[in-house]
Amino acid sequence: MPLDPARTALLAIDVQNDFCPAYRHGGTDVPAGALAVPDGHAVVPPLNALAVAFAERGAPVVATQDWHPQGHFSFASSHPEGSGPKPEGVLWPDHCVRGTPGAEFHAGFDLRPVNLILRKGFRPRLDSYSAFFENDRSTPTGLEGWLRRLGIDTVAIGGLATDYCVFYSVTDALRLGFSVLVIEDAVRGVGFPEGSVPRATKAMADAGAGFLPSADLLREFR
């Protein structure tokens, strides 16, 4: 079914240095991020191409950005052995601390077509995997309302990482009633625990997400 560019948005999830392996840009070596996703920088070219195509058709482009304070509740370093209660789920290395190079977008990721940068995970004791809700599953980020005001009913999603922030964004978008397309060549996964990427991919498909390569989506917009 053809997409309506007037009702479709592109969501680029957390394309940040701390989620990317080491890379070189403009003669500068950028070290591997604190939570580098294998082959994570491979999402940049397809997302850039799509962002330009979306912008040319007047379709909105959103980039999310993890933006943690020092000592965030999700950091393993915030919970020394024998300390108080820990959050449910995974404890992570310190990453995407606001104002640090690791929190910056990948240097090759083109922000010029981006209409909205949505920062998340900035509450000290509440993480935010999803672009739509904090991890309490009820506190909204405001993205849904922004998209609704623009008349958006379909979101195409790529970025990092397949089994965490992409997965939660996809499932929340579906729960909110959006149609969702996952851009196959514009996502990469953490792979922890073992098998998390195929499990997340199956769960997204079972929940109703469609999957397609960026080339097919580009044909819809050109």
N, C-alpha and C. Protein backbone atom coordinates (compact mmCIF):
# COMPACT_ATOMS: atom_id res chain seq x y z
N MET A 1 0.84 -1.19 0.00
CA MET A 1 0.00 0.00 0.00
C MET A 1 0.89 1.26 0.00
N PRO A 2 0.68 2.19 -0.95
CA PRO A 2 1.52 3.38 -1.00
C PRO A 2 1.42 4.21 0.28
N LEU A 3 2.56 4.77 0.65
CA LEU A 3 2.59 5.63 1.83
C LEU A 3 2.16 7.04 1.44
N ASP A 4 1.54 7.74 2.37
CA ASP A 4 1.19 9.14 2.20
C ASP A 4 2.25 9.96 2.92
N PRO A 5 3.15 10.64 2.20
CA PRO A 5 4.20 11.41 2.86
C PRO A 5 3.66 12.45 3.83
N ALA A 6 2.46 12.94 3.57
CA ALA A 6 1.88 13.96 4.44
C ALA A 6 1.49 13.39 5.80
N ARG A 7 1.44 12.07 5.91
CA ARG A 7 1.00 11.44 7.15
C ARG A 7 2.05 10.49 7.73
N THR A 8 3.29 10.60 7.24
CA THR A 8 4.35 9.68 7.65
C THR A 8 5.53 10.47 8.21
N ALA A 9 6.11 9.97 9.29
CA ALA A 9 7.28 10.59 9.92
C ALA A 9 8.41 9.58 10.01
N LEU A 10 9.64 10.09 9.98
CA LEU A 10 10.83 9.26 10.18
C LEU A 10 11.35 9.48 11.59
N LEU A 11 11.57 8.39 12.32
CA LEU A 11 12.17 8.46 13.65
C LEU A 11 13.55 7.81 13.61
N ALA A 12 14.58 8.59 13.89
CA ALA A 12 15.95 8.10 13.96
C ALA A 12 16.32 8.00 15.44
N ILE A 13 16.48 6.78 15.93
CA ILE A 13 16.61 6.53 17.36
C ILE A 13 18.08 6.49 17.79
N ASP A 14 18.49 7.44 18.62
CA ASP A 14 19.75 7.40 19.39
C ASP A 14 21.00 7.11 18.54
N VAL A 15 21.18 7.84 17.46
CA VAL A 15 22.36 7.66 16.61
C VAL A 15 23.50 8.48 17.24
N GLN A 16 24.02 7.98 18.35
CA GLN A 16 24.96 8.72 19.18
C GLN A 16 26.29 7.99 19.31
N ASN A 17 27.32 8.77 19.61
CA ASN A 17 28.67 8.20 19.67
C ASN A 17 28.80 7.05 20.65
N ASP A 18 28.15 7.14 21.80
CA ASP A 18 28.31 6.08 22.79
C ASP A 18 27.69 4.76 22.36
N PHE A 19 26.90 4.77 21.29
CA PHE A 19 26.31 3.54 20.77
C PHE A 19 27.00 3.07 19.50
N CYS A 20 28.11 3.71 19.13
CA CYS A 20 28.80 3.38 17.87
C CYS A 20 30.20 2.86 18.12
N PRO A 21 30.67 1.94 17.28
CA PRO A 21 32.08 1.54 17.32
C PRO A 21 32.97 2.73 16.91
N ALA A 22 34.27 2.57 17.07
CA ALA A 22 35.20 3.61 16.66
C ALA A 22 35.04 3.90 15.16
N TYR A 23 35.17 5.16 14.81
CA TYR A 23 35.08 5.53 13.40
C TYR A 23 35.94 6.77 13.15
N ARG A 24 36.16 7.05 11.89
CA ARG A 24 36.95 8.22 11.49
C ARG A 24 36.06 9.15 10.70
N HIS A 25 36.10 10.44 11.02
CA HIS A 25 35.26 11.41 10.32
C HIS A 25 36.04 12.71 10.14
N GLY A 26 36.17 13.13 8.88
CA GLY A 26 36.84 14.39 8.61
C GLY A 26 38.26 14.45 9.13
N GLY A 27 38.96 13.32 9.10
CA GLY A 27 40.33 13.27 9.57
C GLY A 27 40.48 13.11 11.07
N THR A 28 39.37 12.96 11.77
CA THR A 28 39.40 12.80 13.22
C THR A 28 38.96 11.40 13.60
N ASP A 29 39.71 10.76 14.50
CA ASP A 29 39.33 9.46 15.01
C ASP A 29 38.39 9.63 16.20
N VAL A 30 37.23 9.01 16.11
CA VAL A 30 36.26 9.03 17.20
C VAL A 30 36.31 7.67 17.88
N PRO A 31 36.61 7.61 19.18
CA PRO A 31 36.76 6.31 19.83
C PRO A 31 35.44 5.57 19.97
N ALA A 32 35.54 4.28 20.18
CA ALA A 32 34.34 3.48 20.40
C ALA A 32 33.57 4.00 21.60
N GLY A 33 32.26 3.94 21.51
CA GLY A 33 31.42 4.42 22.59
C GLY A 33 31.39 3.47 23.77
N ALA A 34 30.89 3.99 24.88
CA ALA A 34 30.82 3.21 26.11
C ALA A 34 29.90 2.01 25.99
N LEU A 35 28.95 2.08 25.09
CA LEU A 35 27.98 1.00 24.90
C LEU A 35 27.83 0.75 23.40
N ALA A 36 28.97 0.54 22.75
CA ALA A 36 29.01 0.45 21.28
C ALA A 36 28.23 -0.76 20.78
N VAL A 37 27.34 -0.51 19.84
CA VAL A 37 26.55 -1.56 19.19
C VAL A 37 27.35 -2.06 17.99
N PRO A 38 27.55 -3.37 17.86
CA PRO A 38 28.31 -3.88 16.71
C PRO A 38 27.76 -3.34 15.39
N ASP A 39 28.66 -2.75 14.60
CA ASP A 39 28.30 -2.21 13.29
C ASP A 39 27.29 -1.06 13.39
N GLY A 40 27.25 -0.41 14.54
CA GLY A 40 26.23 0.61 14.77
C GLY A 40 26.28 1.77 13.80
N HIS A 41 27.50 2.12 13.32
CA HIS A 41 27.59 3.25 12.41
C HIS A 41 26.98 2.96 11.05
N ALA A 42 26.65 1.70 10.77
CA ALA A 42 26.05 1.35 9.47
C ALA A 42 24.65 1.92 9.31
N VAL A 43 24.02 2.36 10.39
CA VAL A 43 22.68 2.93 10.27
C VAL A 43 22.72 4.34 9.70
N VAL A 44 23.88 4.99 9.72
CA VAL A 44 23.95 6.41 9.35
C VAL A 44 23.62 6.66 7.89
N PRO A 45 24.25 5.97 6.91
CA PRO A 45 23.94 6.28 5.51
C PRO A 45 22.47 6.10 5.13
N PRO A 46 21.82 4.98 5.48
CA PRO A 46 20.40 4.88 5.10
C PRO A 46 19.52 5.91 5.79
N LEU A 47 19.82 6.24 7.05
CA LEU A 47 19.01 7.25 7.73
C LEU A 47 19.22 8.63 7.11
N ASN A 48 20.46 8.93 6.73
CA ASN A 48 20.70 10.22 6.07
C ASN A 48 19.92 10.33 4.75
N ALA A 49 19.97 9.28 3.96
CA ALA A 49 19.26 9.30 2.68
C ALA A 49 17.76 9.46 2.88
N LEU A 50 17.24 8.73 3.86
CA LEU A 50 15.81 8.82 4.12
C LEU A 50 15.42 10.20 4.67
N ALA A 51 16.25 10.75 5.54
CA ALA A 51 15.93 12.06 6.12
C ALA A 51 15.82 13.12 5.03
N VAL A 52 16.74 13.09 4.07
CA VAL A 52 16.68 14.05 2.96
C VAL A 52 15.39 13.85 2.15
N ALA A 53 15.07 12.59 1.85
CA ALA A 53 13.87 12.31 1.06
C ALA A 53 12.61 12.74 1.79
N PHE A 54 12.55 12.46 3.08
CA PHE A 54 11.39 12.88 3.87
C PHE A 54 11.27 14.40 3.88
N ALA A 55 12.39 15.07 4.12
CA ALA A 55 12.36 16.53 4.19
C ALA A 55 11.94 17.14 2.86
N GLU A 56 12.39 16.56 1.76
CA GLU A 56 12.03 17.09 0.45
C GLU A 56 10.53 17.01 0.19
N ARG A 57 9.88 16.04 0.78
CA ARG A 57 8.43 15.89 0.63
C ARG A 57 7.65 16.55 1.76
N GLY A 58 8.34 17.26 2.65
CA GLY A 58 7.66 17.94 3.75
C GLY A 58 7.25 17.03 4.88
N ALA A 59 7.80 15.81 4.93
CA ALA A 59 7.47 14.86 6.00
C ALA A 59 8.42 15.08 7.18
N PRO A 60 7.93 15.02 8.40
CA PRO A 60 8.78 15.33 9.56
C PRO A 60 9.82 14.25 9.84
N VAL A 61 10.96 14.72 10.35
CA VAL A 61 12.07 13.85 10.74
C VAL A 61 12.39 14.15 12.20
N VAL A 62 12.40 13.10 13.01
CA VAL A 62 12.66 13.22 14.45
C VAL A 62 13.92 12.42 14.78
N ALA A 63 14.80 13.01 15.57
CA ALA A 63 15.98 12.30 16.08
C ALA A 63 15.90 12.28 17.60
N THR A 64 15.94 11.09 18.20
CA THR A 64 15.97 11.02 19.66
C THR A 64 17.41 10.99 20.14
N GLN A 65 17.59 11.42 21.38
CA GLN A 65 18.94 11.54 21.95
C GLN A 65 18.88 11.18 23.43
N ASP A 66 19.54 10.07 23.80
CA ASP A 66 19.72 9.76 25.21
C ASP A 66 20.48 10.92 25.86
N TRP A 67 20.03 11.35 27.03
CA TRP A 67 20.58 12.58 27.62
C TRP A 67 20.59 12.42 29.14
N HIS A 68 21.48 11.53 29.61
CA HIS A 68 21.48 11.16 31.01
C HIS A 68 22.28 12.13 31.88
N PRO A 69 21.84 12.36 33.10
CA PRO A 69 22.69 13.08 34.06
C PRO A 69 23.77 12.15 34.61
N GLN A 70 24.83 12.74 35.16
CA GLN A 70 25.82 11.94 35.89
C GLN A 70 25.11 11.16 37.00
N GLY A 71 25.55 9.91 37.22
CA GLY A 71 24.98 9.11 38.28
C GLY A 71 23.57 8.62 38.01
N HIS A 72 23.21 8.52 36.74
CA HIS A 72 21.85 8.07 36.41
C HIS A 72 21.55 6.70 37.02
N PHE A 73 20.30 6.49 37.37
CA PHE A 73 19.85 5.29 38.07
C PHE A 73 20.12 4.01 37.27
N SER A 74 20.21 4.14 35.93
CA SER A 74 20.41 2.95 35.09
C SER A 74 21.88 2.55 34.98
N PHE A 75 22.79 3.35 35.52
CA PHE A 75 24.22 3.06 35.41
C PHE A 75 24.65 2.06 36.48
N ALA A 76 25.41 1.06 36.08
CA ALA A 76 25.93 0.10 37.06
C ALA A 76 26.78 0.80 38.11
N SER A 77 27.47 1.85 37.71
CA SER A 77 28.35 2.56 38.65
C SER A 77 27.57 3.26 39.75
N SER A 78 26.27 3.44 39.56
CA SER A 78 25.44 4.08 40.58
C SER A 78 24.97 3.10 41.65
N HIS A 79 25.33 1.82 41.48
CA HIS A 79 24.84 0.78 42.40
C HIS A 79 26.00 -0.10 42.85
N PRO A 80 26.90 0.43 43.66
CA PRO A 80 27.99 -0.42 44.17
C PRO A 80 27.43 -1.59 44.96
N GLU A 81 28.21 -2.65 45.04
CA GLU A 81 27.78 -3.87 45.73
C GLU A 81 27.28 -3.54 47.12
N GLY A 82 26.09 -4.05 47.42
CA GLY A 82 25.54 -3.83 48.75
C GLY A 82 24.76 -2.54 48.91
N SER A 83 24.65 -1.75 47.81
CA SER A 83 23.91 -0.50 47.91
C SER A 83 22.42 -0.77 47.83
N GLY A 84 21.63 0.26 47.81
CA GLY A 84 20.18 0.17 47.88
C GLY A 84 19.54 -0.43 46.65
N PRO A 85 18.23 -0.19 46.47
CA PRO A 85 17.47 -0.83 45.40
C PRO A 85 17.97 -0.42 44.02
N LYS A 86 17.87 -1.38 43.11
CA LYS A 86 18.29 -1.16 41.72
C LYS A 86 17.05 -1.13 40.84
N PRO A 87 17.15 -0.47 39.68
CA PRO A 87 16.01 -0.49 38.76
C PRO A 87 15.83 -1.87 38.16
N GLU A 88 14.60 -2.14 37.71
CA GLU A 88 14.36 -3.40 37.01
C GLU A 88 15.09 -3.39 35.68
N GLY A 89 15.49 -4.57 35.22
CA GLY A 89 16.13 -4.66 33.92
C GLY A 89 17.63 -4.58 34.00
N VAL A 90 18.25 -4.12 32.90
CA VAL A 90 19.69 -4.15 32.75
C VAL A 90 20.32 -2.90 33.36
N LEU A 91 21.46 -3.10 34.05
CA LEU A 91 22.29 -1.97 34.46
C LEU A 91 23.38 -1.79 33.41
N TRP A 92 23.59 -0.54 32.97
CA TRP A 92 24.46 -0.27 31.84
C TRP A 92 25.73 0.45 32.28
N PRO A 93 26.79 0.39 31.46
CA PRO A 93 27.92 1.28 31.69
C PRO A 93 27.46 2.74 31.58
N ASP A 94 28.18 3.65 32.23
CA ASP A 94 27.87 5.07 32.07
C ASP A 94 27.90 5.41 30.58
N HIS A 95 26.83 6.02 30.07
CA HIS A 95 26.77 6.33 28.65
C HIS A 95 25.87 7.53 28.41
N CYS A 96 26.12 8.21 27.30
CA CYS A 96 25.30 9.34 26.86
C CYS A 96 25.03 10.33 27.99
N VAL A 97 26.09 10.63 28.74
CA VAL A 97 25.98 11.63 29.80
C VAL A 97 25.92 13.00 29.13
N ARG A 98 24.90 13.75 29.46
CA ARG A 98 24.65 15.00 28.76
C ARG A 98 25.87 15.92 28.79
N GLY A 99 26.15 16.53 27.66
CA GLY A 99 27.27 17.43 27.54
C GLY A 99 28.60 16.77 27.26
N THR A 100 28.64 15.44 27.16
CA THR A 100 29.89 14.72 26.87
C THR A 100 29.92 14.32 25.40
N PRO A 101 31.13 14.04 24.87
CA PRO A 101 31.21 13.61 23.46
C PRO A 101 30.40 12.36 23.17
N GLY A 102 30.29 11.45 24.15
CA GLY A 102 29.54 10.23 23.93
C GLY A 102 28.06 10.47 23.69
N ALA A 103 27.53 11.57 24.22
CA ALA A 103 26.12 11.88 24.04
C ALA A 103 25.84 12.57 22.71
N GLU A 104 26.89 13.03 22.04
CA GLU A 104 26.69 13.72 20.77
C GLU A 104 26.26 12.74 19.68
N PHE A 105 25.56 13.26 18.71
CA PHE A 105 25.20 12.43 17.55
C PHE A 105 26.46 12.03 16.79
N HIS A 106 26.39 10.87 16.15
CA HIS A 106 27.46 10.44 15.26
C HIS A 106 27.79 11.59 14.31
N ALA A 107 29.07 11.85 14.13
CA ALA A 107 29.49 13.01 13.35
C ALA A 107 29.00 12.97 11.91
N GLY A 108 28.76 11.77 11.39
CA GLY A 108 28.28 11.66 10.01
C GLY A 108 26.78 11.74 9.87
N PHE A 109 26.07 11.78 10.97
CA PHE A 109 24.60 11.83 10.93
C PHE A 109 24.18 13.27 10.63
N ASP A 110 23.48 13.46 9.54
CA ASP A 110 23.11 14.80 9.05
C ASP A 110 21.86 15.30 9.78
N LEU A 111 22.04 16.31 10.60
CA LEU A 111 20.92 16.86 11.36
C LEU A 111 20.14 17.93 10.60
N ARG A 112 20.61 18.34 9.44
CA ARG A 112 19.95 19.44 8.73
C ARG A 112 18.49 19.14 8.38
N PRO A 113 18.13 17.89 8.00
CA PRO A 113 16.71 17.63 7.70
C PRO A 113 15.85 17.40 8.95
N VAL A 114 16.46 17.35 10.14
CA VAL A 114 15.73 16.99 11.36
C VAL A 114 14.88 18.16 11.84
N ASN A 115 13.61 17.88 12.07
CA ASN A 115 12.68 18.89 12.57
C ASN A 115 12.62 18.96 14.08
N LEU A 116 12.87 17.83 14.74
CA LEU A 116 12.75 17.76 16.19
C LEU A 116 13.83 16.85 16.76
N ILE A 117 14.58 17.35 17.74
CA ILE A 117 15.47 16.51 18.54
C ILE A 117 14.79 16.30 19.88
N LEU A 118 14.50 15.04 20.18
CA LEU A 118 13.79 14.70 21.41
C LEU A 118 14.78 14.05 22.38
N ARG A 119 15.05 14.74 23.48
CA ARG A 119 15.97 14.20 24.48
C ARG A 119 15.19 13.41 25.52
N LYS A 120 15.75 12.28 25.90
CA LYS A 120 15.07 11.37 26.81
C LYS A 120 16.06 10.80 27.82
N GLY A 121 15.53 10.23 28.91
CA GLY A 121 16.39 9.64 29.93
C GLY A 121 17.08 10.67 30.80
N PHE A 122 16.52 11.87 30.87
CA PHE A 122 17.18 12.95 31.63
C PHE A 122 16.73 13.00 33.08
N ARG A 123 15.72 12.21 33.45
CA ARG A 123 15.30 12.14 34.85
C ARG A 123 16.25 11.21 35.61
N PRO A 124 16.83 11.66 36.73
CA PRO A 124 17.90 10.89 37.37
C PRO A 124 17.51 9.47 37.77
N ARG A 125 16.25 9.23 38.11
CA ARG A 125 15.85 7.91 38.60
C ARG A 125 14.82 7.23 37.69
N LEU A 126 14.81 7.62 36.43
CA LEU A 126 13.87 7.02 35.48
C LEU A 126 14.52 6.99 34.10
N ASP A 127 14.65 5.80 33.54
CA ASP A 127 15.24 5.67 32.22
C ASP A 127 14.16 5.81 31.16
N SER A 128 14.58 5.92 29.92
CA SER A 128 13.64 6.08 28.82
C SER A 128 14.21 5.41 27.58
N TYR A 129 13.81 4.18 27.33
CA TYR A 129 14.20 3.51 26.10
C TYR A 129 13.38 4.04 24.92
N SER A 130 12.09 4.16 25.13
CA SER A 130 11.16 4.49 24.06
C SER A 130 11.19 5.98 23.72
N ALA A 131 10.90 6.28 22.45
CA ALA A 131 10.73 7.67 22.04
C ALA A 131 9.41 8.25 22.55
N PHE A 132 8.51 7.38 23.02
CA PHE A 132 7.17 7.83 23.38
C PHE A 132 6.91 7.88 24.88
N PHE A 133 7.53 6.99 25.66
CA PHE A 133 7.27 6.91 27.09
C PHE A 133 8.56 6.65 27.86
N GLU A 134 8.60 7.16 29.08
CA GLU A 134 9.66 6.77 29.99
C GLU A 134 9.46 5.30 30.36
N ASN A 135 10.44 4.72 31.05
CA ASN A 135 10.38 3.29 31.34
C ASN A 135 9.36 2.91 32.41
N ASP A 136 8.68 3.90 33.00
CA ASP A 136 7.55 3.54 33.86
C ASP A 136 6.33 3.17 33.03
N ARG A 137 6.47 3.31 31.68
CA ARG A 137 5.44 2.95 30.70
C ARG A 137 4.23 3.87 30.72
N SER A 138 4.30 4.98 31.49
CA SER A 138 3.16 5.88 31.56
C SER A 138 3.51 7.35 31.38
N THR A 139 4.73 7.76 31.72
CA THR A 139 5.12 9.17 31.58
C THR A 139 5.47 9.45 30.12
N PRO A 140 4.69 10.30 29.44
CA PRO A 140 4.94 10.53 28.02
C PRO A 140 6.11 11.48 27.79
N THR A 141 6.76 11.29 26.65
CA THR A 141 7.83 12.20 26.25
C THR A 141 7.29 13.43 25.51
N GLY A 142 6.06 13.37 25.07
CA GLY A 142 5.46 14.44 24.28
C GLY A 142 5.47 14.18 22.79
N LEU A 143 6.15 13.13 22.36
CA LEU A 143 6.26 12.87 20.92
C LEU A 143 4.91 12.53 20.29
N GLU A 144 4.10 11.74 20.98
CA GLU A 144 2.81 11.37 20.40
C GLU A 144 1.99 12.62 20.06
N GLY A 145 1.88 13.55 21.02
CA GLY A 145 1.09 14.76 20.78
C GLY A 145 1.63 15.58 19.62
N TRP A 146 2.95 15.67 19.52
CA TRP A 146 3.58 16.43 18.44
C TRP A 146 3.23 15.82 17.09
N LEU A 147 3.31 14.49 16.99
CA LEU A 147 2.98 13.82 15.74
C LEU A 147 1.50 13.94 15.41
N ARG A 148 0.64 13.80 16.42
CA ARG A 148 -0.79 13.90 16.17
C ARG A 148 -1.16 15.28 15.63
N ARG A 149 -0.55 16.32 16.17
CA ARG A 149 -0.87 17.68 15.70
C ARG A 149 -0.48 17.88 14.25
N LEU A 150 0.49 17.10 13.77
CA LEU A 150 0.91 17.17 12.38
C LEU A 150 0.11 16.23 11.48
N GLY A 151 -0.81 15.49 12.06
CA GLY A 151 -1.63 14.58 11.28
C GLY A 151 -0.93 13.29 10.89
N ILE A 152 0.11 12.92 11.65
CA ILE A 152 0.89 11.72 11.33
C ILE A 152 0.17 10.47 11.85
N ASP A 153 0.09 9.45 10.98
CA ASP A 153 -0.47 8.17 11.43
C ASP A 153 0.46 6.99 11.17
N THR A 154 1.61 7.25 10.52
CA THR A 154 2.58 6.19 10.21
C THR A 154 3.98 6.68 10.57
N VAL A 155 4.76 5.81 11.20
CA VAL A 155 6.14 6.16 11.52
C VAL A 155 7.08 5.09 10.96
N ALA A 156 8.16 5.55 10.33
CA ALA A 156 9.23 4.67 9.88
C ALA A 156 10.37 4.84 10.87
N ILE A 157 10.89 3.74 11.40
CA ILE A 157 11.83 3.80 12.52
C ILE A 157 13.12 3.08 12.18
N GLY A 158 14.25 3.74 12.46
CA GLY A 158 15.57 3.14 12.38
C GLY A 158 16.42 3.67 13.51
N GLY A 159 17.62 3.11 13.66
CA GLY A 159 18.53 3.61 14.69
C GLY A 159 19.03 2.51 15.61
N LEU A 160 19.34 2.89 16.83
CA LEU A 160 20.02 2.03 17.79
C LEU A 160 19.30 2.03 19.14
N ALA A 161 19.10 0.89 19.70
CA ALA A 161 19.48 -0.42 19.18
C ALA A 161 18.22 -1.25 18.98
N THR A 162 18.29 -2.20 18.05
CA THR A 162 17.12 -2.99 17.67
C THR A 162 16.41 -3.58 18.88
N ASP A 163 17.16 -4.12 19.82
CA ASP A 163 16.58 -4.89 20.92
C ASP A 163 16.27 -4.06 22.15
N TYR A 164 16.49 -2.75 22.09
CA TYR A 164 16.16 -1.91 23.24
C TYR A 164 15.38 -0.68 22.79
N CYS A 165 16.04 0.41 22.48
CA CYS A 165 15.32 1.66 22.24
C CYS A 165 14.47 1.60 20.97
N VAL A 166 14.95 0.92 19.92
CA VAL A 166 14.12 0.74 18.74
C VAL A 166 12.91 -0.13 19.08
N PHE A 167 13.15 -1.25 19.75
CA PHE A 167 12.06 -2.16 20.10
C PHE A 167 10.98 -1.45 20.93
N TYR A 168 11.39 -0.74 21.96
CA TYR A 168 10.40 -0.07 22.81
C TYR A 168 9.67 1.03 22.05
N SER A 169 10.37 1.74 21.18
CA SER A 169 9.72 2.79 20.39
C SER A 169 8.70 2.20 19.43
N VAL A 170 9.07 1.08 18.79
CA VAL A 170 8.16 0.43 17.86
C VAL A 170 6.92 -0.08 18.57
N THR A 171 7.10 -0.79 19.68
CA THR A 171 5.94 -1.37 20.35
C THR A 171 5.05 -0.30 20.96
N ASP A 172 5.64 0.79 21.45
CA ASP A 172 4.81 1.88 21.97
C ASP A 172 4.05 2.58 20.85
N ALA A 173 4.70 2.79 19.71
CA ALA A 173 4.01 3.41 18.58
C ALA A 173 2.81 2.57 18.15
N LEU A 174 3.00 1.25 18.10
CA LEU A 174 1.88 0.36 17.75
C LEU A 174 0.78 0.43 18.81
N ARG A 175 1.18 0.44 20.06
CA ARG A 175 0.19 0.50 21.15
C ARG A 175 -0.63 1.78 21.08
N LEU A 176 -0.02 2.85 20.58
CA LEU A 176 -0.71 4.13 20.46
C LEU A 176 -1.54 4.24 19.19
N GLY A 177 -1.47 3.22 18.33
CA GLY A 177 -2.31 3.20 17.14
C GLY A 177 -1.65 3.68 15.86
N PHE A 178 -0.34 3.94 15.89
CA PHE A 178 0.38 4.28 14.67
C PHE A 178 0.67 3.02 13.86
N SER A 179 0.69 3.17 12.54
CA SER A 179 1.28 2.13 11.70
C SER A 179 2.80 2.29 11.77
N VAL A 180 3.54 1.17 11.79
CA VAL A 180 4.98 1.25 12.00
C VAL A 180 5.71 0.43 10.95
N LEU A 181 6.76 1.06 10.38
CA LEU A 181 7.67 0.39 9.47
C LEU A 181 9.06 0.42 10.09
N VAL A 182 9.68 -0.74 10.25
CA VAL A 182 11.05 -0.83 10.72
C VAL A 182 11.96 -0.91 9.51
N ILE A 183 12.96 -0.03 9.45
CA ILE A 183 13.85 0.04 8.29
C ILE A 183 14.98 -0.97 8.50
N GLU A 184 14.93 -2.06 7.77
CA GLU A 184 15.76 -3.23 8.05
C GLU A 184 17.26 -2.94 8.06
N ASP A 185 17.73 -2.14 7.11
CA ASP A 185 19.16 -1.88 7.01
C ASP A 185 19.59 -0.67 7.82
N ALA A 186 18.67 -0.08 8.57
CA ALA A 186 18.99 1.11 9.38
C ALA A 186 18.81 0.83 10.87
N VAL A 187 18.89 -0.44 11.25
CA VAL A 187 18.87 -0.82 12.67
C VAL A 187 20.00 -1.81 12.94
N ARG A 188 20.54 -1.75 14.13
CA ARG A 188 21.52 -2.71 14.62
C ARG A 188 21.23 -2.94 16.10
N GLY A 189 21.59 -4.16 16.59
CA GLY A 189 21.23 -4.51 17.95
C GLY A 189 22.40 -4.73 18.88
N VAL A 190 22.14 -4.61 20.18
CA VAL A 190 23.14 -4.87 21.21
C VAL A 190 23.47 -6.35 21.28
N GLY A 191 22.44 -7.19 21.24
CA GLY A 191 22.65 -8.63 21.32
C GLY A 191 22.91 -9.13 22.73
N PHE A 192 22.40 -8.39 23.71
CA PHE A 192 22.53 -8.82 25.11
C PHE A 192 21.16 -8.71 25.78
N PRO A 193 20.73 -9.80 26.45
CA PRO A 193 21.36 -11.12 26.51
C PRO A 193 21.29 -11.84 25.17
N GLU A 194 22.00 -12.94 25.07
CA GLU A 194 22.08 -13.68 23.81
C GLU A 194 20.69 -13.96 23.25
N GLY A 195 20.54 -13.70 21.97
CA GLY A 195 19.26 -13.94 21.32
C GLY A 195 18.29 -12.78 21.39
N SER A 196 18.71 -11.67 22.00
CA SER A 196 17.77 -10.56 22.19
C SER A 196 17.34 -9.91 20.87
N VAL A 197 18.22 -9.90 19.87
CA VAL A 197 17.86 -9.25 18.61
C VAL A 197 16.78 -10.04 17.86
N PRO A 198 16.96 -11.36 17.63
CA PRO A 198 15.88 -12.07 16.94
C PRO A 198 14.58 -12.09 17.75
N ARG A 199 14.68 -12.14 19.07
CA ARG A 199 13.46 -12.11 19.88
C ARG A 199 12.74 -10.78 19.70
N ALA A 200 13.49 -9.69 19.72
CA ALA A 200 12.88 -8.37 19.55
C ALA A 200 12.27 -8.23 18.16
N THR A 201 12.99 -8.72 17.16
CA THR A 201 12.49 -8.62 15.79
C THR A 201 11.19 -9.39 15.63
N LYS A 202 11.13 -10.59 16.18
CA LYS A 202 9.91 -11.39 16.10
C LYS A 202 8.77 -10.71 16.86
N ALA A 203 9.07 -10.18 18.04
CA ALA A 203 8.03 -9.53 18.84
C ALA A 203 7.47 -8.31 18.12
N MET A 204 8.33 -7.53 17.46
CA MET A 204 7.83 -6.37 16.72
C MET A 204 6.95 -6.80 15.56
N ALA A 205 7.38 -7.84 14.83
CA ALA A 205 6.57 -8.33 13.71
C ALA A 205 5.24 -8.89 14.20
N ASP A 206 5.29 -9.65 15.29
CA ASP A 206 4.06 -10.23 15.84
C ASP A 206 3.09 -9.15 16.31
N ALA A 207 3.64 -8.03 16.76
CA ALA A 207 2.79 -6.93 17.25
C ALA A 207 2.20 -6.11 16.10
N GLY A 208 2.69 -6.33 14.87
CA GLY A 208 2.10 -5.66 13.72
C GLY A 208 3.01 -4.73 12.96
N ALA A 209 4.29 -4.66 13.32
CA ALA A 209 5.22 -3.81 12.58
C ALA A 209 5.55 -4.42 11.23
N GLY A 210 5.70 -3.58 10.23
CA GLY A 210 6.19 -4.02 8.95
C GLY A 210 7.69 -3.81 8.86
N PHE A 211 8.36 -4.55 8.01
CA PHE A 211 9.81 -4.44 7.83
C PHE A 211 10.10 -4.24 6.34
N LEU A 212 10.98 -3.29 6.04
CA LEU A 212 11.36 -3.09 4.65
C LEU A 212 12.72 -2.41 4.60
N PRO A 213 13.48 -2.62 3.51
CA PRO A 213 14.77 -1.96 3.37
C PRO A 213 14.59 -0.48 3.01
N SER A 214 15.62 0.31 3.30
CA SER A 214 15.52 1.74 3.04
C SER A 214 15.28 2.04 1.57
N ALA A 215 15.84 1.22 0.66
CA ALA A 215 15.66 1.46 -0.77
C ALA A 215 14.19 1.43 -1.16
N ASP A 216 13.43 0.50 -0.57
CA ASP A 216 12.00 0.43 -0.87
C ASP A 216 11.27 1.65 -0.34
N LEU A 217 11.65 2.09 0.85
CA LEU A 217 11.00 3.27 1.42
C LEU A 217 11.36 4.52 0.62
N LEU A 218 12.59 4.61 0.16
CA LEU A 218 12.98 5.75 -0.67
C LEU A 218 12.15 5.82 -1.95
N ARG A 219 11.85 4.68 -2.53
CA ARG A 219 11.03 4.68 -3.76
C ARG A 219 9.63 5.25 -3.49
N GLU A 220 9.13 5.07 -2.28
CA GLU A 220 7.83 5.61 -1.93
C GLU A 220 7.86 7.14 -1.85
N PHE A 221 9.04 7.70 -1.57
CA PHE A 221 9.14 9.14 -1.33
C PHE A 221 9.73 9.90 -2.50
N ARG A 222 10.07 9.20 -3.60
CA ARG A 222 10.69 9.89 -4.73
C ARG A 222 9.95 9.59 -6.03
